[in-house]
Amino acid sequence: MLAFSEFFYLVHAGQGRWMIKHRITDESAGSIIRNGPDFDLFDDHGRQVGRFDSVEHALGGLYATA
């Protein structure tokens, strides 16, 4: 099983918000926003990729789009 933390890291961007950065290049990969019990994932262009039940699942969704 992949550990998506090998590819991405999170930067706190306010209450319930995180910026996602590529671990190797340090470039923006998207963002995650808490939405109730779920997490909305946005790509680096601000388009919503999906809603996930955990941050790890959201990172997996981002990895799948790359």
N, C-alpha and C. Protein backbone atom coordinates (compact mmCIF):
# COMPACT_ATOMS: atom_id res chain seq x y z
N MET A 1 0.84 -1.18 0.00
CA MET A 1 0.00 0.00 0.00
C MET A 1 0.88 1.24 0.00
N LEU A 2 0.51 2.24 -0.80
CA LEU A 2 1.26 3.48 -0.87
C LEU A 2 0.98 4.35 0.33
N ALA A 3 2.00 4.99 0.83
CA ALA A 3 1.85 6.03 1.85
C ALA A 3 1.98 7.36 1.10
N PHE A 4 0.87 8.05 0.91
CA PHE A 4 0.87 9.25 0.09
C PHE A 4 1.70 10.38 0.70
N SER A 5 2.03 10.24 2.00
CA SER A 5 2.92 11.22 2.63
C SER A 5 4.32 11.15 2.03
N GLU A 6 4.63 10.10 1.29
CA GLU A 6 5.91 10.01 0.60
C GLU A 6 5.96 11.00 -0.57
N PHE A 7 4.80 11.37 -1.12
CA PHE A 7 4.72 12.22 -2.30
C PHE A 7 4.30 13.65 -1.97
N PHE A 8 3.50 13.82 -0.91
CA PHE A 8 2.92 15.12 -0.58
C PHE A 8 3.13 15.44 0.90
N TYR A 9 3.07 16.73 1.22
CA TYR A 9 3.00 17.15 2.62
C TYR A 9 1.99 18.29 2.71
N LEU A 10 1.46 18.50 3.90
CA LEU A 10 0.42 19.50 4.13
C LEU A 10 0.98 20.70 4.87
N VAL A 11 0.49 21.88 4.50
CA VAL A 11 0.82 23.12 5.18
C VAL A 11 -0.48 23.71 5.69
N HIS A 12 -0.56 23.94 7.00
CA HIS A 12 -1.78 24.49 7.60
C HIS A 12 -2.05 25.86 6.99
N ALA A 13 -3.29 26.09 6.55
CA ALA A 13 -3.65 27.36 5.89
C ALA A 13 -4.88 27.99 6.54
N GLY A 14 -5.08 27.73 7.83
CA GLY A 14 -6.23 28.27 8.53
C GLY A 14 -7.09 27.14 9.06
N GLN A 15 -8.11 27.50 9.80
CA GLN A 15 -8.95 26.49 10.43
C GLN A 15 -9.62 25.61 9.38
N GLY A 16 -9.30 24.31 9.43
CA GLY A 16 -9.90 23.34 8.52
C GLY A 16 -9.43 23.44 7.08
N ARG A 17 -8.26 24.07 6.86
CA ARG A 17 -7.72 24.23 5.50
C ARG A 17 -6.24 23.85 5.48
N TRP A 18 -5.85 23.17 4.41
CA TRP A 18 -4.45 22.80 4.22
C TRP A 18 -4.07 22.96 2.76
N MET A 19 -2.89 23.46 2.52
CA MET A 19 -2.31 23.47 1.18
C MET A 19 -1.52 22.17 1.04
N ILE A 20 -1.57 21.59 -0.14
CA ILE A 20 -0.82 20.35 -0.42
C ILE A 20 0.37 20.72 -1.28
N LYS A 21 1.55 20.25 -0.88
CA LYS A 21 2.77 20.51 -1.63
C LYS A 21 3.41 19.19 -2.05
N HIS A 22 4.06 19.21 -3.22
CA HIS A 22 4.83 18.05 -3.67
C HIS A 22 6.08 17.97 -2.80
N ARG A 23 6.34 16.80 -2.27
CA ARG A 23 7.49 16.65 -1.36
C ARG A 23 8.81 16.88 -2.09
N ILE A 24 8.96 16.46 -3.32
CA ILE A 24 10.25 16.57 -4.02
C ILE A 24 10.46 17.97 -4.59
N THR A 25 9.43 18.53 -5.25
CA THR A 25 9.59 19.82 -5.93
C THR A 25 9.19 21.01 -5.08
N ASP A 26 8.45 20.79 -4.00
CA ASP A 26 7.94 21.83 -3.13
C ASP A 26 6.91 22.74 -3.83
N GLU A 27 6.38 22.30 -4.97
CA GLU A 27 5.38 23.07 -5.70
C GLU A 27 3.99 22.72 -5.19
N SER A 28 3.05 23.63 -5.40
CA SER A 28 1.67 23.41 -4.98
C SER A 28 1.05 22.26 -5.77
N ALA A 29 0.31 21.41 -5.06
CA ALA A 29 -0.39 20.30 -5.70
C ALA A 29 -1.89 20.42 -5.53
N GLY A 30 -2.35 21.31 -4.64
CA GLY A 30 -3.78 21.48 -4.41
C GLY A 30 -4.05 21.89 -2.99
N SER A 31 -5.30 21.66 -2.57
CA SER A 31 -5.68 22.02 -1.21
C SER A 31 -6.78 21.10 -0.71
N ILE A 32 -6.91 21.06 0.61
CA ILE A 32 -7.94 20.27 1.28
C ILE A 32 -8.68 21.20 2.23
N ILE A 33 -10.01 21.11 2.21
CA ILE A 33 -10.84 21.91 3.10
C ILE A 33 -11.80 20.97 3.82
N ARG A 34 -11.83 21.08 5.15
CA ARG A 34 -12.77 20.26 5.93
C ARG A 34 -14.18 20.75 5.63
N ASN A 35 -15.07 19.78 5.37
CA ASN A 35 -16.47 20.07 5.09
C ASN A 35 -17.30 19.13 5.96
N GLY A 36 -17.59 19.56 7.18
CA GLY A 36 -18.28 18.68 8.13
C GLY A 36 -17.37 17.52 8.47
N PRO A 37 -17.87 16.29 8.34
CA PRO A 37 -17.03 15.13 8.66
C PRO A 37 -16.11 14.74 7.51
N ASP A 38 -16.27 15.37 6.35
CA ASP A 38 -15.51 15.00 5.15
C ASP A 38 -14.47 16.06 4.81
N PHE A 39 -13.71 15.77 3.75
CA PHE A 39 -12.66 16.65 3.28
C PHE A 39 -12.82 16.85 1.77
N ASP A 40 -12.94 18.11 1.35
CA ASP A 40 -13.01 18.43 -0.07
C ASP A 40 -11.61 18.64 -0.60
N LEU A 41 -11.32 18.02 -1.73
CA LEU A 41 -10.01 18.09 -2.36
C LEU A 41 -10.11 18.96 -3.61
N PHE A 42 -9.17 19.89 -3.74
CA PHE A 42 -9.10 20.76 -4.90
C PHE A 42 -7.72 20.62 -5.54
N ASP A 43 -7.68 20.65 -6.89
CA ASP A 43 -6.39 20.56 -7.56
C ASP A 43 -5.68 21.91 -7.48
N ASP A 44 -4.52 22.01 -8.09
CA ASP A 44 -3.73 23.24 -7.99
C ASP A 44 -4.31 24.40 -8.81
N HIS A 45 -5.40 24.14 -9.56
CA HIS A 45 -6.11 25.18 -10.30
C HIS A 45 -7.41 25.58 -9.62
N GLY A 46 -7.65 25.02 -8.42
CA GLY A 46 -8.84 25.36 -7.65
C GLY A 46 -10.09 24.59 -8.02
N ARG A 47 -9.97 23.60 -8.89
CA ARG A 47 -11.13 22.77 -9.28
C ARG A 47 -11.31 21.64 -8.29
N GLN A 48 -12.55 21.41 -7.86
CA GLN A 48 -12.81 20.34 -6.91
C GLN A 48 -12.60 18.98 -7.57
N VAL A 49 -11.81 18.16 -6.92
CA VAL A 49 -11.52 16.81 -7.40
C VAL A 49 -12.50 15.82 -6.80
N GLY A 50 -12.89 16.03 -5.54
CA GLY A 50 -13.83 15.12 -4.90
C GLY A 50 -13.96 15.40 -3.42
N ARG A 51 -14.81 14.61 -2.79
CA ARG A 51 -15.02 14.68 -1.34
C ARG A 51 -14.64 13.32 -0.77
N PHE A 52 -13.86 13.33 0.31
CA PHE A 52 -13.31 12.11 0.87
C PHE A 52 -13.55 12.05 2.37
N ASP A 53 -13.51 10.83 2.91
CA ASP A 53 -13.77 10.65 4.34
C ASP A 53 -12.54 10.82 5.21
N SER A 54 -11.36 10.98 4.61
CA SER A 54 -10.14 11.21 5.38
C SER A 54 -9.14 11.98 4.52
N VAL A 55 -8.19 12.60 5.18
CA VAL A 55 -7.13 13.31 4.47
C VAL A 55 -6.32 12.33 3.64
N GLU A 56 -6.02 11.17 4.19
CA GLU A 56 -5.22 10.17 3.45
C GLU A 56 -5.95 9.73 2.18
N HIS A 57 -7.27 9.55 2.24
CA HIS A 57 -8.03 9.19 1.04
C HIS A 57 -8.03 10.34 0.04
N ALA A 58 -8.10 11.57 0.53
CA ALA A 58 -8.03 12.73 -0.37
C ALA A 58 -6.69 12.77 -1.09
N LEU A 59 -5.60 12.53 -0.37
CA LEU A 59 -4.28 12.50 -1.00
C LEU A 59 -4.19 11.38 -2.02
N GLY A 60 -4.83 10.26 -1.74
CA GLY A 60 -4.89 9.17 -2.71
C GLY A 60 -5.64 9.59 -3.96
N GLY A 61 -6.73 10.35 -3.78
CA GLY A 61 -7.48 10.87 -4.92
C GLY A 61 -6.65 11.82 -5.76
N LEU A 62 -5.85 12.65 -5.09
CA LEU A 62 -4.97 13.57 -5.81
C LEU A 62 -3.90 12.79 -6.56
N TYR A 63 -3.33 11.80 -5.93
CA TYR A 63 -2.31 10.97 -6.58
C TYR A 63 -2.87 10.29 -7.82
N ALA A 64 -4.13 9.84 -7.74
CA ALA A 64 -4.77 9.15 -8.87
C ALA A 64 -4.99 10.08 -10.06
N THR A 65 -5.10 11.39 -9.83
CA THR A 65 -5.31 12.32 -10.93
C THR A 65 -4.02 12.74 -11.61
N ALA A 66 -2.90 12.48 -10.96
CA ALA A 66 -1.60 12.92 -11.53
C ALA A 66 -1.13 11.99 -12.62
